[in-house]
Protein backbone atom coordinates (compact mmCIF):
# COMPACT_ATOMS: atom_id res chain seq x y z
CA UNK A 1 0.10 -0.33 0.12
CA UNK A 2 1.55 3.43 -1.15
CA UNK A 3 1.53 6.56 1.51
CA UNK A 4 0.28 10.19 0.68
CA UNK A 5 3.14 12.08 -0.09
CA UNK A 6 3.71 15.71 -1.38
CA UNK A 7 5.34 16.43 -5.04
CA UNK A 8 7.24 19.24 -6.16
CA UNK A 9 7.28 19.30 -9.84
CA UNK A 10 8.61 21.79 -12.78
CA UNK A 11 9.96 22.09 -15.99
CA UNK A 12 9.05 23.28 -19.48
CA UNK A 13 5.54 24.11 -20.65
CA UNK A 14 5.17 24.62 -24.53
CA UNK A 15 1.98 26.61 -24.88
CA UNK A 16 -0.10 26.33 -27.89
CA UNK A 17 -3.41 28.73 -28.91
CA UNK A 18 -5.08 27.31 -31.49
CA UNK A 19 -7.87 29.00 -33.52
CA UNK A 20 -10.52 26.82 -35.30
CA UNK A 21 -12.69 28.88 -37.53
CA UNK A 22 -16.16 27.72 -38.36
CA UNK A 23 -16.25 27.31 -42.54
CA UNK A 24 -19.93 28.51 -42.79
CA UNK A 25 -19.08 31.58 -40.89
CA UNK A 26 -15.89 33.17 -43.11
CA UNK A 27 -17.41 35.69 -45.42
CA UNK A 28 -15.08 35.83 -48.88
CA UNK A 29 -17.42 39.03 -50.08
CA UNK A 30 -18.74 39.08 -53.21
CA UNK A 31 -18.54 36.67 -55.35
CA UNK A 32 -19.63 36.19 -59.94
CA UNK A 33 -23.01 35.41 -60.08
CA UNK A 34 -22.58 32.87 -62.29
CA UNK A 35 -19.69 30.70 -60.19
CA UNK A 36 -21.02 28.74 -56.76
CA UNK A 37 -19.89 30.32 -53.76
CA UNK A 38 -16.87 29.65 -51.66
CA UNK A 39 -16.26 27.81 -48.73
CA UNK A 40 -13.49 26.78 -46.21
CA UNK A 41 -12.01 23.63 -46.35
CA UNK A 42 -11.38 21.95 -43.37
CA UNK A 43 -7.92 22.25 -43.85
CA UNK A 44 -8.49 26.35 -43.81
CA UNK A 45 -11.10 25.97 -41.24
CA UNK A 46 -7.82 24.91 -38.32
CA UNK A 47 -5.02 26.53 -40.36
CA UNK A 48 -3.94 29.00 -37.36
CA UNK A 49 -1.94 27.55 -34.54
CA UNK A 50 0.91 29.74 -32.32
CA UNK A 51 2.80 27.59 -30.17
CA UNK A 52 5.41 29.69 -27.48
CA UNK A 53 7.83 28.07 -24.82
CA UNK A 54 7.68 28.52 -20.61
CA UNK A 55 7.27 26.86 -17.42
CA UNK A 56 5.66 25.10 -15.05
CA UNK A 57 5.61 24.79 -11.29
CA UNK A 58 3.75 22.60 -8.61
CA UNK A 59 2.83 20.57 -5.99
CA UNK A 60 0.57 17.85 -6.01
CA UNK A 61 -0.54 14.68 -3.85
CA UNK A 62 0.80 11.32 -4.50
CA UNK A 63 -0.12 7.88 -3.30
CA UNK A 64 -3.70 8.57 -1.93
CA UNK A 65 -4.72 4.92 -3.29
CA UNK A 66 -7.98 4.56 -4.32
CA UNK A 67 -7.60 0.61 -5.21
CA UNK A 68 -4.70 -1.83 -6.36
CA UNK A 69 -2.47 0.08 -8.67
CA UNK A 70 -4.99 3.21 -8.88
CA UNK A 71 -4.30 6.89 -7.21
CA UNK A 72 -5.63 9.81 -6.71
CA UNK A 73 -3.46 12.83 -7.31
CA UNK A 74 -4.42 16.61 -7.18
CA UNK A 75 -2.41 18.88 -7.50
CA UNK A 76 -1.89 22.87 -8.19
CA UNK A 77 0.12 24.06 -10.70
CA UNK A 78 1.33 27.31 -12.31
CA UNK A 79 2.34 27.80 -15.95
CA UNK A 80 3.72 30.71 -17.59
CA UNK A 81 4.08 31.12 -21.46
CA UNK A 82 4.69 33.92 -23.16
CA UNK A 83 1.63 36.32 -21.68
CA UNK A 84 -0.16 34.44 -20.16
CA UNK A 85 -0.30 33.59 -16.47
CA UNK A 86 -2.53 30.76 -15.40
CA UNK A 87 -2.68 28.54 -12.02
CA UNK A 88 -4.33 25.02 -13.09
CA UNK A 89 -5.83 22.40 -10.60
CA UNK A 90 -5.60 19.35 -12.87
CA UNK A 91 -7.45 16.11 -10.40
CA UNK A 92 -5.90 13.12 -12.26
CA UNK A 93 -6.33 9.59 -11.74
CA UNK A 94 -2.47 7.53 -11.62
CA UNK A 95 -2.42 3.81 -12.66
CA UNK A 96 0.82 2.25 -11.83
CA UNK A 97 1.62 0.18 -15.44
CA UNK A 98 4.56 -1.08 -14.49
CA UNK A 99 7.09 -0.61 -11.18
CA UNK A 100 8.32 2.59 -11.49
CA UNK A 101 6.11 3.74 -14.58
CA UNK A 102 2.81 5.28 -13.96
CA UNK A 103 0.29 6.57 -16.46
CA UNK A 104 -2.11 9.84 -15.86
CA UNK A 105 -5.08 10.84 -16.43
CA UNK A 106 -7.98 13.77 -15.49
CA UNK A 107 -9.73 16.97 -16.21
CA UNK A 108 -8.19 20.09 -15.43
CA UNK A 109 -9.47 23.52 -14.52
CA UNK A 110 -7.62 26.52 -15.18
CA UNK A 111 -7.71 30.47 -13.92
CA UNK A 112 -5.71 33.09 -16.03
CA UNK A 113 -4.36 35.44 -13.20
CA UNK A 114 -4.33 38.57 -15.96
CA UNK A 115 -6.30 37.28 -19.21
CA UNK A 116 -6.49 40.11 -20.70
CA UNK A 117 -9.05 42.04 -23.39
CA UNK A 118 -11.70 39.25 -24.88
CA UNK A 119 -10.05 36.08 -23.03
CA UNK A 120 -12.24 34.39 -20.87
CA UNK A 121 -10.30 33.64 -17.13
CA UNK A 122 -11.11 30.52 -16.85
CA UNK A 123 -10.52 27.42 -19.20
CA UNK A 124 -10.94 23.97 -18.76
CA UNK A 125 -8.99 20.29 -19.83
CA UNK A 126 -8.15 17.44 -19.99
CA UNK A 127 -4.40 16.36 -19.15
CA UNK A 128 -2.73 12.74 -19.56
CA UNK A 129 0.89 11.94 -19.19
CA UNK A 130 3.33 9.59 -17.56
CA UNK A 131 5.78 9.68 -14.56
CA UNK A 132 8.98 7.44 -14.34
CA UNK A 133 10.38 7.06 -11.39
CA UNK A 134 14.23 7.09 -12.06
CA UNK A 135 15.37 6.81 -8.42
CA UNK A 136 13.33 7.31 -4.65
CA UNK A 137 11.60 10.19 -5.13
CA UNK A 138 12.51 11.28 -7.98
CA UNK A 139 10.71 10.98 -11.38
CA UNK A 140 10.72 12.61 -15.02
CA UNK A 141 7.38 13.75 -16.61
CA UNK A 142 5.70 14.00 -19.64
CA UNK A 143 2.28 15.27 -19.70
CA UNK A 144 -0.28 17.03 -22.35
CA UNK A 145 -2.85 19.39 -21.04
CA UNK A 146 -5.73 19.38 -24.06
CA UNK A 147 -7.88 22.84 -23.91
CA UNK A 148 -11.22 21.94 -24.66
CA UNK A 149 -13.35 25.43 -23.92
CA UNK A 150 -12.98 28.58 -25.96
CA UNK A 151 -11.02 31.03 -24.06
CA UNK A 152 -11.73 33.98 -26.41
CA UNK A 153 -14.74 35.52 -27.20
CA UNK A 154 -15.64 35.66 -30.39
CA UNK A 155 -18.08 35.12 -33.67
CA UNK A 156 -16.12 33.58 -35.89
CA UNK A 157 -14.40 30.80 -34.61
CA UNK A 158 -12.63 29.38 -31.46
CA UNK A 159 -9.01 29.82 -29.34
CA UNK A 160 -8.18 26.76 -27.36
CA UNK A 161 -5.24 26.65 -24.93
CA UNK A 162 -3.03 23.25 -24.48
CA UNK A 163 0.40 22.85 -22.80
CA UNK A 164 2.76 20.02 -23.49
CA UNK A 165 4.85 20.17 -20.32
CA UNK A 166 8.52 18.08 -19.75
CA UNK A 167 10.00 17.87 -16.26
CA UNK A 168 11.25 16.58 -12.96
CA UNK A 169 9.02 15.82 -9.80
CA UNK A 170 10.58 15.42 -6.20
CA UNK A 171 8.54 13.39 -3.96
CA UNK A 172 8.83 14.39 -0.07
C-alpha cells in the first residue's frame, strides 16, 4: 500500500493556441453570380496555431490509493507561457503500469491570472501523461493538457489553449 506524499514538480511548458474558424461563417466577399459560393475547407478551418515556450511549477499529492495500482493525485500548478499566466488544478487518476512507471489522466480547471481583453478567465481541459521514477522519490514527467473550452469571445471561431509539459518531480 502506498503512503501519501507531497510532490514538487517543475519543468518546461510549451503552450499552444489553436484558433479554429467555423467554415460556414467565413465571408469571402461578393462572388460572381455565375460561380458557386466559396466555402472554407477543413484545412483552412484549422490553419491557425501558435506555440510558445515557458515553464511550470506545482505541488500535488501522490499515493492516495483508490485501489490496487490506482491512486488519486490532485495538484495545483502555475504555468507561465509568454504573456499567459495560469493557475491550473488537475484532478488526476494515476495507474501503475509496471514498477516505477505510471500513467495518469483526468480533468483540469485553469484560471488565467491576467487574461487580457477578450480572453475568458477560466479554462477547462483534460490532462494525460506519464511519470517514470528514475530513483527513489525523483522522477521525470511528460504531460499533455488538452484545452477543451473556448477562451476567447468571438463570433467567428474558437480559441483553445493547450500545453505540453516536460519536467522533473521530487516526492517528499
